[in-house]
PDB file of N, CA and C in Angstrom:
ATOM      1  N   MET A   1     -41.076   0.812  -3.767  1.00  0.00           N
ATOM      2  CA  MET A   1     -39.977   0.552  -3.566  1.00  0.00           C
ATOM      3  C   MET A   1     -39.336   1.107  -4.112  1.00  0.00           C
ATOM      4  N   ALA A   2     -39.111   1.300  -5.252  1.00  0.00           N
ATOM      5  CA  ALA A   2     -38.362   1.785  -6.297  1.00  0.00           C
ATOM      6  C   ALA A   2     -38.457   3.575  -6.057  1.00  0.00           C
ATOM      7  N   ILE A   3     -39.211   3.919  -5.282  1.00  0.00           N
ATOM      8  CA  ILE A   3     -39.459   5.553  -5.011  1.00  0.00           C
ATOM      9  C   ILE A   3     -37.860   5.726  -4.058  1.00  0.00           C
ATOM     10  N   GLU A   4     -37.615   4.829  -3.175  1.00  0.00           N
ATOM     11  CA  GLU A   4     -36.436   5.018  -2.624  1.00  0.00           C
ATOM     12  C   GLU A   4     -35.365   5.194  -3.272  1.00  0.00           C
ATOM     13  N   TYR A   5     -35.195   4.575  -4.256  1.00  0.00           N
ATOM     14  CA  TYR A   5     -34.075   4.804  -5.438  1.00  0.00           C
ATOM     15  C   TYR A   5     -34.161   6.098  -5.893  1.00  0.00           C
ATOM     16  N   LEU A   6     -35.341   7.130  -5.877  1.00  0.00           N
ATOM     17  CA  LEU A   6     -35.280   8.546  -6.539  1.00  0.00           C
ATOM     18  C   LEU A   6     -34.125   9.280  -6.140  1.00  0.00           C
ATOM     19  N   PRO A   7     -33.914   9.631  -5.324  1.00  0.00           N
ATOM     20  CA  PRO A   7     -32.589  10.790  -4.918  1.00  0.00           C
ATOM     21  C   PRO A   7     -31.451  10.536  -5.256  1.00  0.00           C
ATOM     22  N   VAL A   8     -30.929   8.794  -5.002  1.00  0.00           N
ATOM     23  CA  VAL A   8     -29.963   8.309  -5.512  1.00  0.00           C
ATOM     24  C   VAL A   8     -29.969   8.369  -7.531  1.00  0.00           C
ATOM     25  N   LEU A   9     -31.162   8.377  -7.985  1.00  0.00           N
ATOM     26  CA  LEU A   9     -31.224   8.802  -9.720  1.00  0.00           C
ATOM     27  C   LEU A   9     -31.151  10.162  -9.920  1.00  0.00           C
ATOM     28  N   LEU A  10     -31.739  11.076  -9.037  1.00  0.00           N
ATOM     29  CA  LEU A  10     -31.416  12.102  -9.037  1.00  0.00           C
ATOM     30  C   LEU A  10     -30.193  12.837  -9.029  1.00  0.00           C
ATOM     31  N   ILE A  11     -29.621  12.389  -8.010  1.00  0.00           N
ATOM     32  CA  ILE A  11     -27.740  13.247  -7.576  1.00  0.00           C
ATOM     33  C   ILE A  11     -27.211  12.724  -8.817  1.00  0.00           C
ATOM     34  N   LEU A  12     -27.555  11.216  -9.522  1.00  0.00           N
ATOM     35  CA  LEU A  12     -26.591  10.545 -10.708  1.00  0.00           C
ATOM     36  C   LEU A  12     -26.885  11.864 -11.868  1.00  0.00           C
ATOM     37  N   LEU A  13     -28.386  12.207 -12.044  1.00  0.00           N
ATOM     38  CA  LEU A  13     -28.540  12.846 -13.372  1.00  0.00           C
ATOM     39  C   LEU A  13     -28.311  14.304 -13.281  1.00  0.00           C
ATOM     40  N   VAL A  14     -27.809  15.269 -11.643  1.00  0.00           N
ATOM     41  CA  VAL A  14     -27.151  15.935 -12.034  1.00  0.00           C
ATOM     42  C   VAL A  14     -26.230  15.959 -12.177  1.00  0.00           C
ATOM     43  N   ALA A  15     -24.939  14.939 -11.273  1.00  0.00           N
ATOM     44  CA  ALA A  15     -23.688  14.493 -11.474  1.00  0.00           C
ATOM     45  C   ALA A  15     -23.584  14.828 -13.393  1.00  0.00           C
ATOM     46  N   VAL A  16     -24.320  14.028 -13.860  1.00  0.00           N
ATOM     47  CA  VAL A  16     -24.025  13.947 -15.587  1.00  0.00           C
ATOM     48  C   VAL A  16     -24.413  15.065 -16.315  1.00  0.00           C
ATOM     49  N   ALA A  17     -25.363  15.658 -15.618  1.00  0.00           N
ATOM     50  CA  ALA A  17     -25.593  17.380 -16.099  1.00  0.00           C
ATOM     51  C   ALA A  17     -24.563  18.102 -16.343  1.00  0.00           C
ATOM     52  N   VAL A  18     -24.165  17.819 -15.140  1.00  0.00           N
ATOM     53  CA  VAL A  18     -22.594  19.168 -14.678  1.00  0.00           C
ATOM     54  C   VAL A  18     -21.833  18.673 -15.539  1.00  0.00           C
ATOM     55  N   GLY A  19     -21.000  17.527 -15.883  1.00  0.00           N
ATOM     56  CA  GLY A  19     -19.810  17.072 -15.831  1.00  0.00           C
ATOM     57  C   GLY A  19     -20.239  17.332 -17.857  1.00  0.00           C
ATOM     58  N   GLY A  20     -21.252  16.855 -18.254  1.00  0.00           N
ATOM     59  CA  GLY A  20     -21.733  17.038 -19.616  1.00  0.00           C
ATOM     60  C   GLY A  20     -21.537  18.649 -20.018  1.00  0.00           C
ATOM     61  N   THR A  21     -22.071  19.340 -19.018  1.00  0.00           N
ATOM     62  CA  THR A  21     -22.069  20.935 -19.455  1.00  0.00           C
ATOM     63  C   THR A  21     -21.071  21.759 -19.254  1.00  0.00           C
ATOM     64  N   ALA A  22     -19.771  21.291 -18.374  1.00  0.00           N
ATOM     65  CA  ALA A  22     -18.726  21.381 -18.124  1.00  0.00           C
ATOM     66  C   ALA A  22     -17.755  21.276 -19.641  1.00  0.00           C
ATOM     67  N   TRP A  23     -18.004  19.912 -19.884  1.00  0.00           N
ATOM     68  CA  TRP A  23     -17.314  19.022 -21.573  1.00  0.00           C
ATOM     69  C   TRP A  23     -17.806  19.960 -22.039  1.00  0.00           C
ATOM     70  N   VAL A  24     -19.000  20.220 -22.584  1.00  0.00           N
ATOM     71  CA  VAL A  24     -18.883  20.996 -23.728  1.00  0.00           C
ATOM     72  C   VAL A  24     -19.043  22.106 -23.622  1.00  0.00           C
ATOM     73  N   ILE A  25     -19.048  22.904 -22.561  1.00  0.00           N
ATOM     74  CA  ILE A  25     -18.266  24.653 -22.728  1.00  0.00           C
ATOM     75  C   ILE A  25     -16.873  24.516 -22.608  1.00  0.00           C
ATOM     76  N   ALA A  26     -16.087  23.607 -22.039  1.00  0.00           N
ATOM     77  CA  ALA A  26     -14.652  23.566 -22.575  1.00  0.00           C
ATOM     78  C   ALA A  26     -14.555  23.558 -24.118  1.00  0.00           C
ATOM     79  N   SER A  27     -15.627  22.420 -24.622  1.00  0.00           N
ATOM     80  CA  SER A  27     -14.893  22.088 -26.077  1.00  0.00           C
ATOM     81  C   SER A  27     -14.976  23.197 -26.955  1.00  0.00           C
ATOM     82  N   ILE A  28     -16.077  24.073 -26.662  1.00  0.00           N
ATOM     83  CA  ILE A  28     -16.637  25.021 -27.216  1.00  0.00           C
ATOM     84  C   ILE A  28     -15.502  26.228 -27.173  1.00  0.00           C
ATOM     85  N   PHE A  29     -15.383  26.613 -25.894  1.00  0.00           N
ATOM     86  CA  PHE A  29     -14.742  27.905 -25.684  1.00  0.00           C
ATOM     87  C   PHE A  29     -13.365  27.495 -25.324  1.00  0.00           C
ATOM     88  N   GLY A  30     -12.979  26.261 -25.097  1.00  0.00           N
ATOM     89  CA  GLY A  30     -11.290  26.221 -24.553  1.00  0.00           C
ATOM     90  C   GLY A  30     -10.262  26.047 -25.892  1.00  0.00           C
ATOM     91  N   PRO A  31      -9.141  26.283 -25.536  1.00  0.00           N
ATOM     92  CA  PRO A  31      -7.953  26.787 -26.503  1.00  0.00           C
ATOM     93  C   PRO A  31      -7.827  25.088 -27.394  1.00  0.00           C
ATOM     94  N   LYS A  32      -7.669  25.520 -28.712  1.00  0.00           N
ATOM     95  CA  LYS A  32      -7.520  24.180 -29.313  1.00  0.00           C
ATOM     96  C   LYS A  32      -6.004  24.254 -30.020  1.00  0.00           C
ATOM     97  N   HIS A  33      -4.807  24.603 -29.685  1.00  0.00           N
ATOM     98  CA  HIS A  33      -3.858  25.014 -30.487  1.00  0.00           C
ATOM     99  C   HIS A  33      -3.082  24.051 -30.032  1.00  0.00           C
ATOM    100  N   SER A  34      -2.137  23.246 -30.927  1.00  0.00           N
ATOM    101  CA  SER A  34      -1.484  21.550 -30.580  1.00  0.00           C
ATOM    102  C   SER A  34      -0.139  22.186 -31.238  1.00  0.00           C
ATOM    103  N   ASN A  35       0.863  21.717 -30.488  1.00  0.00           N
ATOM    104  CA  ASN A  35       1.791  22.165 -30.793  1.00  0.00           C
ATOM    105  C   ASN A  35       2.281  20.625 -30.484  1.00  0.00           C
ATOM    106  N   GLU A  36       3.867  20.405 -30.661  1.00  0.00           N
ATOM    107  CA  GLU A  36       4.990  19.190 -30.670  1.00  0.00           C
ATOM    108  C   GLU A  36       5.171  18.724 -29.339  1.00  0.00           C
ATOM    109  N   VAL A  37       4.985  19.659 -28.002  1.00  0.00           N
ATOM    110  CA  VAL A  37       5.530  19.541 -26.636  1.00  0.00           C
ATOM    111  C   VAL A  37       3.836  18.983 -25.911  1.00  0.00           C
ATOM    112  N   LYS A  38       3.036  19.905 -26.619  1.00  0.00           N
ATOM    113  CA  LYS A  38       1.542  19.555 -25.933  1.00  0.00           C
ATOM    114  C   LYS A  38       0.950  18.289 -26.170  1.00  0.00           C
ATOM    115  N   ASP A  39       1.547  17.417 -27.256  1.00  0.00           N
ATOM    116  CA  ASP A  39       1.246  16.192 -28.061  1.00  0.00           C
ATOM    117  C   ASP A  39       2.278  14.985 -27.619  1.00  0.00           C
ATOM    118  N   ALA A  40       3.135  15.499 -26.819  1.00  0.00           N
ATOM    119  CA  ALA A  40       4.143  14.467 -26.195  1.00  0.00           C
ATOM    120  C   ALA A  40       3.790  13.822 -25.018  1.00  0.00           C
ATOM    121  N   PRO A  41       3.725  12.740 -25.074  1.00  0.00           N
ATOM    122  CA  PRO A  41       2.940  11.706 -23.907  1.00  0.00           C
ATOM    123  C   PRO A  41       4.108  12.279 -22.587  1.00  0.00           C
ATOM    124  N   PHE A  42       3.480  12.314 -21.689  1.00  0.00           N
ATOM    125  CA  PHE A  42       4.188  12.484 -20.336  1.00  0.00           C
ATOM    126  C   PHE A  42       3.902  11.815 -19.108  1.00  0.00           C
ATOM    127  N   GLU A  43       4.913  11.221 -18.115  1.00  0.00           N
ATOM    128  CA  GLU A  43       3.871  11.127 -16.704  1.00  0.00           C
ATOM    129  C   GLU A  43       4.465  11.787 -15.898  1.00  0.00           C
ATOM    130  N   CYS A  44       3.715  12.645 -15.105  1.00  0.00           N
ATOM    131  CA  CYS A  44       3.687  13.116 -13.893  1.00  0.00           C
ATOM    132  C   CYS A  44       4.622  14.445 -14.143  1.00  0.00           C
ATOM    133  N   GLY A  45       4.770  14.982 -14.867  1.00  0.00           N
ATOM    134  CA  GLY A  45       5.209  16.045 -15.289  1.00  0.00           C
ATOM    135  C   GLY A  45       6.355  15.609 -16.234  1.00  0.00           C
ATOM    136  N   ASN A  46       6.764  14.712 -16.179  1.00  0.00           N
ATOM    137  CA  ASN A  46       8.085  14.301 -16.598  1.00  0.00           C
ATOM    138  C   ASN A  46       8.017  13.384 -17.813  1.00  0.00           C
ATOM    139  N   PRO A  47       9.021  13.716 -19.156  1.00  0.00           N
ATOM    140  CA  PRO A  47       8.984  13.285 -20.153  1.00  0.00           C
ATOM    141  C   PRO A  47       9.344  11.490 -20.378  1.00  0.00           C
ATOM    142  N   SER A  48       8.425  10.762 -20.617  1.00  0.00           N
ATOM    143  CA  SER A  48       8.527   9.699 -20.707  1.00  0.00           C
ATOM    144  C   SER A  48       9.865   8.824 -21.505  1.00  0.00           C
ATOM    145  N   PHE A  49      10.543   7.849 -20.968  1.00  0.00           N
ATOM    146  CA  PHE A  49      11.647   7.214 -21.616  1.00  0.00           C
ATOM    147  C   PHE A  49      11.626   5.828 -21.785  1.00  0.00           C
ATOM    148  N   GLY A  50      12.192   5.129 -22.552  1.00  0.00           N
ATOM    149  CA  GLY A  50      12.320   3.527 -22.574  1.00  0.00           C
ATOM    150  C   GLY A  50      11.057   3.227 -23.269  1.00  0.00           C
ATOM    151  N   THR A  51      11.011   2.272 -23.437  1.00  0.00           N
ATOM    152  CA  THR A  51      10.256   1.631 -24.488  1.00  0.00           C
ATOM    153  C   THR A  51       8.739   1.396 -23.983  1.00  0.00           C
ATOM    154  N   ARG A  52       7.709   1.119 -24.676  1.00  0.00           N
ATOM    155  CA  ARG A  52       6.171   1.126 -24.806  1.00  0.00           C
ATOM    156  C   ARG A  52       5.723   0.001 -23.614  1.00  0.00           C
ATOM    157  N   GLY A  53       6.835  -0.697 -24.065  1.00  0.00           N
ATOM    158  CA  GLY A  53       6.487  -2.382 -23.466  1.00  0.00           C
ATOM    159  C   GLY A  53       7.092  -2.602 -22.308  1.00  0.00           C
ATOM    160  N   LYS A  54       7.691  -1.740 -21.374  1.00  0.00           N
ATOM    161  CA  LYS A  54       8.564  -1.453 -20.576  1.00  0.00           C
ATOM    162  C   LYS A  54       7.961  -2.952 -19.203  1.00  0.00           C
ATOM    163  N   LYS A  55       8.651  -4.215 -18.988  1.00  0.00           N
ATOM    164  CA  LYS A  55       8.096  -5.004 -18.358  1.00  0.00           C
ATOM    165  C   LYS A  55       8.484  -4.469 -16.779  1.00  0.00           C
ATOM    166  N   PHE A  56       7.396  -4.641 -15.798  1.00  0.00           N
ATOM    167  CA  PHE A  56       7.712  -4.436 -14.318  1.00  0.00           C
ATOM    168  C   PHE A  56       8.223  -5.685 -13.664  1.00  0.00           C
ATOM    169  N   SER A  57       8.967  -5.531 -12.767  1.00  0.00           N
ATOM    170  CA  SER A  57       9.074  -6.545 -11.743  1.00  0.00           C
ATOM    171  C   SER A  57       8.466  -7.440 -11.383  1.00  0.00           C
ATOM    172  N   VAL A  58       8.242  -8.452 -11.064  1.00  0.00           N
ATOM    173  CA  VAL A  58       7.452  -9.488 -10.303  1.00  0.00           C
ATOM    174  C   VAL A  58       7.040  -9.048  -8.963  1.00  0.00           C
ATOM    175  N   LYS A  59       7.981  -8.269  -7.999  1.00  0.00           N
ATOM    176  CA  LYS A  59       7.811  -7.593  -7.016  1.00  0.00           C
ATOM    177  C   LYS A  59       6.665  -6.849  -6.686  1.00  0.00           C
ATOM    178  N   PHE A  60       6.749  -5.558  -8.060  1.00  0.00           N
ATOM    179  CA  PHE A  60       5.583  -4.460  -8.145  1.00  0.00           C
ATOM    180  C   PHE A  60       4.468  -5.510  -7.947  1.00  0.00           C
ATOM    181  N   TYR A  61       3.882  -6.580  -8.553  1.00  0.00           N
ATOM    182  CA  TYR A  61       2.952  -7.203  -8.798  1.00  0.00           C
ATOM    183  C   TYR A  61       2.433  -7.619  -6.945  1.00  0.00           C
ATOM    184  N   ILE A  62       3.469  -8.412  -6.594  1.00  0.00           N
ATOM    185  CA  ILE A  62       3.180  -9.222  -5.282  1.00  0.00           C
ATOM    186  C   ILE A  62       3.212  -7.850  -4.486  1.00  0.00           C
ATOM    187  N   VAL A  63       3.530  -6.445  -4.164  1.00  0.00           N
ATOM    188  CA  VAL A  63       3.368  -5.969  -3.285  1.00  0.00           C
ATOM    189  C   VAL A  63       1.838  -5.261  -3.627  1.00  0.00           C
ATOM    190  N   ALA A  64       1.740  -5.261  -5.077  1.00  0.00           N
ATOM    191  CA  ALA A  64       0.083  -4.878  -4.768  1.00  0.00           C
ATOM    192  C   ALA A  64      -1.011  -5.722  -4.939  1.00  0.00           C
ATOM    193  N   MET A  65      -0.740  -7.120  -4.802  1.00  0.00           N
ATOM    194  CA  MET A  65      -2.009  -7.968  -4.456  1.00  0.00           C
ATOM    195  C   MET A  65      -1.656  -7.369  -2.809  1.00  0.00           C
ATOM    196  N   LEU A  66      -0.365  -7.717  -2.336  1.00  0.00           N
ATOM    197  CA  LEU A  66      -0.508  -7.289  -0.613  1.00  0.00           C
ATOM    198  C   LEU A  66      -1.408  -6.503  -0.515  1.00  0.00           C
ATOM    199  N   PHE A  67      -0.939  -5.359  -0.987  1.00  0.00           N
ATOM    200  CA  PHE A  67      -1.708  -3.874  -0.294  1.00  0.00           C
ATOM    201  C   PHE A  67      -3.327  -4.469  -0.761  1.00  0.00           C
ATOM    202  N   LEU A  68      -3.856  -5.299  -2.098  1.00  0.00           N
ATOM    203  CA  LEU A  68      -5.410  -5.147  -1.719  1.00  0.00           C
ATOM    204  C   LEU A  68      -5.203  -6.496  -1.301  1.00  0.00           C
ATOM    205  N   VAL A  69      -5.119  -7.364  -0.360  1.00  0.00           N
ATOM    206  CA  VAL A  69      -5.368  -8.174   0.740  1.00  0.00           C
ATOM    207  C   VAL A  69      -5.870  -7.488   1.974  1.00  0.00           C
ATOM    208  N   PHE A  70      -4.827  -6.454   2.511  1.00  0.00           N
ATOM    209  CA  PHE A  70      -4.860  -5.639   3.687  1.00  0.00           C
ATOM    210  C   PHE A  70      -5.959  -4.414   3.300  1.00  0.00           C
ATOM    211  N   ASP A  71      -6.491  -4.277   2.101  1.00  0.00           N
ATOM    212  CA  ASP A  71      -7.303  -3.131   1.906  1.00  0.00           C
ATOM    213  C   ASP A  71      -8.689  -3.917   1.728  1.00  0.00           C
ATOM    214  N   LEU A  72      -8.663  -4.929   1.355  1.00  0.00           N
ATOM    215  CA  LEU A  72     -10.083  -5.820   1.918  1.00  0.00           C
ATOM    216  C   LEU A  72     -10.074  -6.472   3.154  1.00  0.00           C
ATOM    217  N   GLU A  73      -8.952  -6.272   4.119  1.00  0.00           N
ATOM    218  CA  GLU A  73      -9.222  -6.765   5.483  1.00  0.00           C
ATOM    219  C   GLU A  73      -9.690  -5.534   6.213  1.00  0.00           C
ATOM    220  N   ILE A  74      -9.600  -4.249   5.830  1.00  0.00           N
ATOM    221  CA  ILE A  74      -9.807  -3.116   6.355  1.00  0.00           C
ATOM    222  C   ILE A  74     -11.817  -3.158   5.761  1.00  0.00           C
ATOM    223  N   VAL A  75     -11.959  -3.131   4.913  1.00  0.00           N
ATOM    224  CA  VAL A  75     -13.175  -3.363   4.295  1.00  0.00           C
ATOM    225  C   VAL A  75     -14.294  -3.902   4.961  1.00  0.00           C
ATOM    226  N   PHE A  76     -13.691  -5.614   5.645  1.00  0.00           N
ATOM    227  CA  PHE A  76     -14.651  -6.316   6.190  1.00  0.00           C
ATOM    228  C   PHE A  76     -14.540  -6.062   7.700  1.00  0.00           C
ATOM    229  N   ILE A  77     -13.184  -5.364   8.181  1.00  0.00           N
ATOM    230  CA  ILE A  77     -13.520  -5.544   9.573  1.00  0.00           C
ATOM    231  C   ILE A  77     -14.144  -4.151  10.248  1.00  0.00           C
ATOM    232  N   TYR A  78     -14.176  -3.327   9.575  1.00  0.00           N
ATOM    233  CA  TYR A  78     -15.310  -2.009  10.021  1.00  0.00           C
ATOM    234  C   TYR A  78     -16.735  -2.414  10.261  1.00  0.00           C
ATOM    235  N   PRO A  79     -17.320  -2.675   9.455  1.00  0.00           N
ATOM    236  CA  PRO A  79     -18.535  -3.566   9.486  1.00  0.00           C
ATOM    237  C   PRO A  79     -18.922  -4.555  10.884  1.00  0.00           C
ATOM    238  N   TRP A  80     -17.651  -5.264  10.899  1.00  0.00           N
ATOM    239  CA  TRP A  80     -17.529  -6.169  12.037  1.00  0.00           C
ATOM    240  C   TRP A  80     -17.611  -5.392  13.107  1.00  0.00           C
ATOM    241  N   ALA A  81     -16.714  -4.731  13.242  1.00  0.00           N
ATOM    242  CA  ALA A  81     -16.371  -4.263  14.793  1.00  0.00           C
ATOM    243  C   ALA A  81     -18.014  -3.346  15.162  1.00  0.00           C
ATOM    244  N   VAL A  82     -18.431  -2.572  14.015  1.00  0.00           N
ATOM    245  CA  VAL A  82     -19.774  -2.042  13.982  1.00  0.00           C
ATOM    246  C   VAL A  82     -20.819  -2.650  14.780  1.00  0.00           C
ATOM    247  N   LEU A  83     -21.140  -4.150  14.197  1.00  0.00           N
ATOM    248  CA  LEU A  83     -21.810  -5.488  14.353  1.00  0.00           C
ATOM    249  C   LEU A  83     -21.296  -6.666  15.427  1.00  0.00           C
ATOM    250  N   PHE A  84     -20.234  -5.835  16.227  1.00  0.00           N
ATOM    251  CA  PHE A  84     -19.728  -7.044  17.103  1.00  0.00           C
ATOM    252  C   PHE A  84     -20.479  -7.555  18.367  1.00  0.00           C
ATOM    253  N   LYS A  85     -21.409  -6.392  18.601  1.00  0.00           N
ATOM    254  CA  LYS A  85     -22.057  -7.498  19.718  1.00  0.00           C
ATOM    255  C   LYS A  85     -23.074  -7.860  19.416  1.00  0.00           C
ATOM    256  N   LYS A  86     -23.615  -7.625  17.996  1.00  0.00           N
ATOM    257  CA  LYS A  86     -24.851  -8.441  17.628  1.00  0.00           C
ATOM    258  C   LYS A  86     -24.691  -9.389  17.171  1.00  0.00           C
ATOM    259  N   LEU A  87     -23.283  -9.912  16.493  1.00  0.00           N
ATOM    260  CA  LEU A  87     -22.962 -11.135  16.185  1.00  0.00           C
ATOM    261  C   LEU A  87     -22.627 -12.277  17.111  1.00  0.00           C
ATOM    262  N   GLY A  88     -22.083 -11.752  18.343  1.00  0.00           N
ATOM    263  CA  GLY A  88     -21.838 -12.582  19.291  1.00  0.00           C
ATOM    264  C   GLY A  88     -20.704 -13.454  18.928  1.00  0.00           C
ATOM    265  N   TRP A  89     -20.707 -14.453  19.753  1.00  0.00           N
ATOM    266  CA  TRP A  89     -19.152 -15.225  19.590  1.00  0.00           C
ATOM    267  C   TRP A  89     -19.144 -16.034  18.208  1.00  0.00           C
ATOM    268  N   PHE A  90     -20.484 -16.301  17.462  1.00  0.00           N
ATOM    269  CA  PHE A  90     -20.071 -16.939  16.024  1.00  0.00           C
ATOM    270  C   PHE A  90     -19.782 -15.815  15.272  1.00  0.00           C
ATOM    271  N   GLY A  91     -20.011 -14.377  15.512  1.00  0.00           N
ATOM    272  CA  GLY A  91     -19.121 -13.740  14.552  1.00  0.00           C
ATOM    273  C   GLY A  91     -17.477 -13.223  14.812  1.00  0.00           C
ATOM    274  N   PHE A  92     -17.837 -13.469  16.014  1.00  0.00           N
ATOM    275  CA  PHE A  92     -16.141 -13.300  16.531  1.00  0.00           C
ATOM    276  C   PHE A  92     -15.016 -14.377  15.945  1.00  0.00           C
ATOM    277  N   PHE A  93     -15.589 -15.260  16.416  1.00  0.00           N
ATOM    278  CA  PHE A  93     -14.866 -16.680  15.590  1.00  0.00           C
ATOM    279  C   PHE A  93     -14.867 -16.647  14.067  1.00  0.00           C
ATOM    280  N   GLU A  94     -15.676 -16.187  13.662  1.00  0.00           N
ATOM    281  CA  GLU A  94     -15.633 -16.154  11.957  1.00  0.00           C
ATOM    282  C   GLU A  94     -14.303 -15.252  11.769  1.00  0.00           C
ATOM    283  N   MET A  95     -14.358 -14.038  12.407  1.00  0.00           N
ATOM    284  CA  MET A  95     -13.419 -13.049  12.135  1.00  0.00           C
ATOM    285  C   MET A  95     -12.187 -13.433  12.257  1.00  0.00           C
ATOM    286  N   MET A  96     -11.989 -14.493  13.637  1.00  0.00           N
ATOM    287  CA  MET A  96     -10.827 -14.848  13.711  1.00  0.00           C
ATOM    288  C   MET A  96     -10.236 -15.875  12.663  1.00  0.00           C
ATOM    289  N   VAL A  97     -11.247 -16.958  12.306  1.00  0.00           N
ATOM    290  CA  VAL A  97     -10.741 -17.526  10.941  1.00  0.00           C
ATOM    291  C   VAL A  97     -10.184 -16.452  10.225  1.00  0.00           C
ATOM    292  N   PHE A  98     -11.196 -15.781   9.790  1.00  0.00           N
ATOM    293  CA  PHE A  98     -10.951 -14.482   8.492  1.00  0.00           C
ATOM    294  C   PHE A  98      -9.173 -13.838   9.017  1.00  0.00           C
ATOM    295  N   LEU A  99      -9.150 -13.531   9.925  1.00  0.00           N
ATOM    296  CA  LEU A  99      -7.486 -12.755  10.404  1.00  0.00           C
ATOM    297  C   LEU A  99      -6.402 -13.914  10.323  1.00  0.00           C
ATOM    298  N   LEU A 100      -7.094 -15.439  10.759  1.00  0.00           N
ATOM    299  CA  LEU A 100      -5.752 -16.171  11.083  1.00  0.00           C
ATOM    300  C   LEU A 100      -5.552 -16.140   9.153  1.00  0.00           C
ATOM    301  N   VAL A 101      -6.139 -16.616   8.148  1.00  0.00           N
ATOM    302  CA  VAL A 101      -6.031 -16.748   6.911  1.00  0.00           C
ATOM    303  C   VAL A 101      -4.945 -15.415   6.449  1.00  0.00           C
ATOM    304  N   LEU A 102      -5.226 -14.646   7.033  1.00  0.00           N
ATOM    305  CA  LEU A 102      -4.670 -13.355   6.433  1.00  0.00           C
ATOM    306  C   LEU A 102      -3.264 -13.253   7.167  1.00  0.00           C
ATOM    307  N   VAL A 103      -3.183 -13.651   8.240  1.00  0.00           N
ATOM    308  CA  VAL A 103      -1.828 -13.855   9.066  1.00  0.00           C
ATOM    309  C   VAL A 103      -0.963 -14.655   8.396  1.00  0.00           C
ATOM    310  N   VAL A 104      -1.608 -16.129   7.801  1.00  0.00           N
ATOM    311  CA  VAL A 104      -0.945 -16.884   7.367  1.00  0.00           C
ATOM    312  C   VAL A 104      -0.206 -16.374   5.793  1.00  0.00           C
ATOM    313  N   GLY A 105      -1.355 -15.452   5.305  1.00  0.00           N
ATOM    314  CA  GLY A 105      -0.654 -14.811   4.096  1.00  0.00           C
ATOM    315  C   GLY A 105       0.671 -13.829   4.492  1.00  0.00           C
ATOM    316  N   LEU A 106       0.256 -12.846   5.459  1.00  0.00           N
ATOM    317  CA  LEU A 106       1.345 -12.432   5.488  1.00  0.00           C
ATOM    318  C   LEU A 106       2.746 -12.907   6.035  1.00  0.00           C
ATOM    319  N   ALA A 107       2.482 -13.941   6.754  1.00  0.00           N
ATOM    320  CA  ALA A 107       3.740 -14.590   6.917  1.00  0.00           C
ATOM    321  C   ALA A 107       4.279 -15.110   5.790  1.00  0.00           C
ATOM    322  N   TYR A 108       3.613 -15.850   4.797  1.00  0.00           N
ATOM    323  CA  TYR A 108       4.043 -16.109   3.461  1.00  0.00           C
ATOM    324  C   TYR A 108       4.807 -15.356   2.730  1.00  0.00           C
ATOM    325  N   GLU A 109       4.238 -13.646   2.919  1.00  0.00           N
ATOM    326  CA  GLU A 109       4.771 -12.897   2.379  1.00  0.00           C
ATOM    327  C   GLU A 109       6.221 -12.593   2.607  1.00  0.00           C
ATOM    328  N   TRP A 110       6.289 -12.621   3.951  1.00  0.00           N
ATOM    329  CA  TRP A 110       7.300 -12.304   4.658  1.00  0.00           C
ATOM    330  C   TRP A 110       8.289 -13.159   4.655  1.00  0.00           C
ATOM    331  N   LYS A 111       8.272 -14.305   4.509  1.00  0.00           N
ATOM    332  CA  LYS A 111       9.247 -15.099   4.110  1.00  0.00           C
ATOM    333  C   LYS A 111       9.567 -15.254   2.969  1.00  0.00           C
ATOM    334  N   LYS A 112       8.991 -14.932   1.938  1.00  0.00           N
ATOM    335  CA  LYS A 112       9.182 -14.950   0.624  1.00  0.00           C
ATOM    336  C   LYS A 112      10.009 -13.511   0.463  1.00  0.00           C
ATOM    337  N   GLY A 113      10.006 -12.649   1.524  1.00  0.00           N
ATOM    338  CA  GLY A 113      10.796 -11.484   1.249  1.00  0.00           C
ATOM    339  C   GLY A 113      10.227 -10.138   0.342  1.00  0.00           C
ATOM    340  N   ALA A 114       8.536 -10.589   0.215  1.00  0.00           N
ATOM    341  CA  ALA A 114       8.192  -9.386  -0.819  1.00  0.00           C
ATOM    342  C   ALA A 114       7.868  -7.931   0.157  1.00  0.00           C
ATOM    343  N   LEU A 115       7.812  -7.985   1.686  1.00  0.00           N
ATOM    344  CA  LEU A 115       8.066  -6.665   2.000  1.00  0.00           C
ATOM    345  C   LEU A 115       9.314  -6.192   2.124  1.00  0.00           C
ATOM    346  N   GLU A 116      10.488  -6.443   1.612  1.00  0.00           N
ATOM    347  CA  GLU A 116      11.596  -6.030   1.288  1.00  0.00           C
ATOM    348  C   GLU A 116      11.904  -5.166   0.292  1.00  0.00           C
ATOM    349  N   TRP A 117      12.162  -3.987   0.349  1.00  0.00           N
ATOM    350  CA  TRP A 117      11.965  -2.922  -0.696  1.00  0.00           C
ATOM    351  C   TRP A 117      13.658  -2.950  -1.122  1.00  0.00           C
ATOM    352  N   GLU A 118      13.956  -2.888  -2.734  1.00  0.00           N
ATOM    353  CA  GLU A 118      15.614  -2.959  -2.908  1.00  0.00           C
ATOM    354  C   GLU A 118      15.400  -1.572  -3.542  1.00  0.00           C
TER     355      GLU A 118
END
């Protein structure tokens, strides 16, 4: 049974070897010149501003959680759609319960105004 995992182990070892080789070559032959601009922190090519402990709005986290909920929905719907005929009516009703929970969550988020971006 362990022989079935041999190709996965082989790919993992090749990936680690390629990554490690690239890292070693870059650390040996790469430039090591440091200056003030290169050492300055930046985000997306722009200099950072504000304090390090800047707090985000709660709305940011609500939108992030909403994204995760619907991302998980897609992860569960694709396999269900593939096995739809095999699961029969039981699988259909199970998915309807799952979707009902998600729709109730969406209605709650909509009512709270989490989908309004200011």
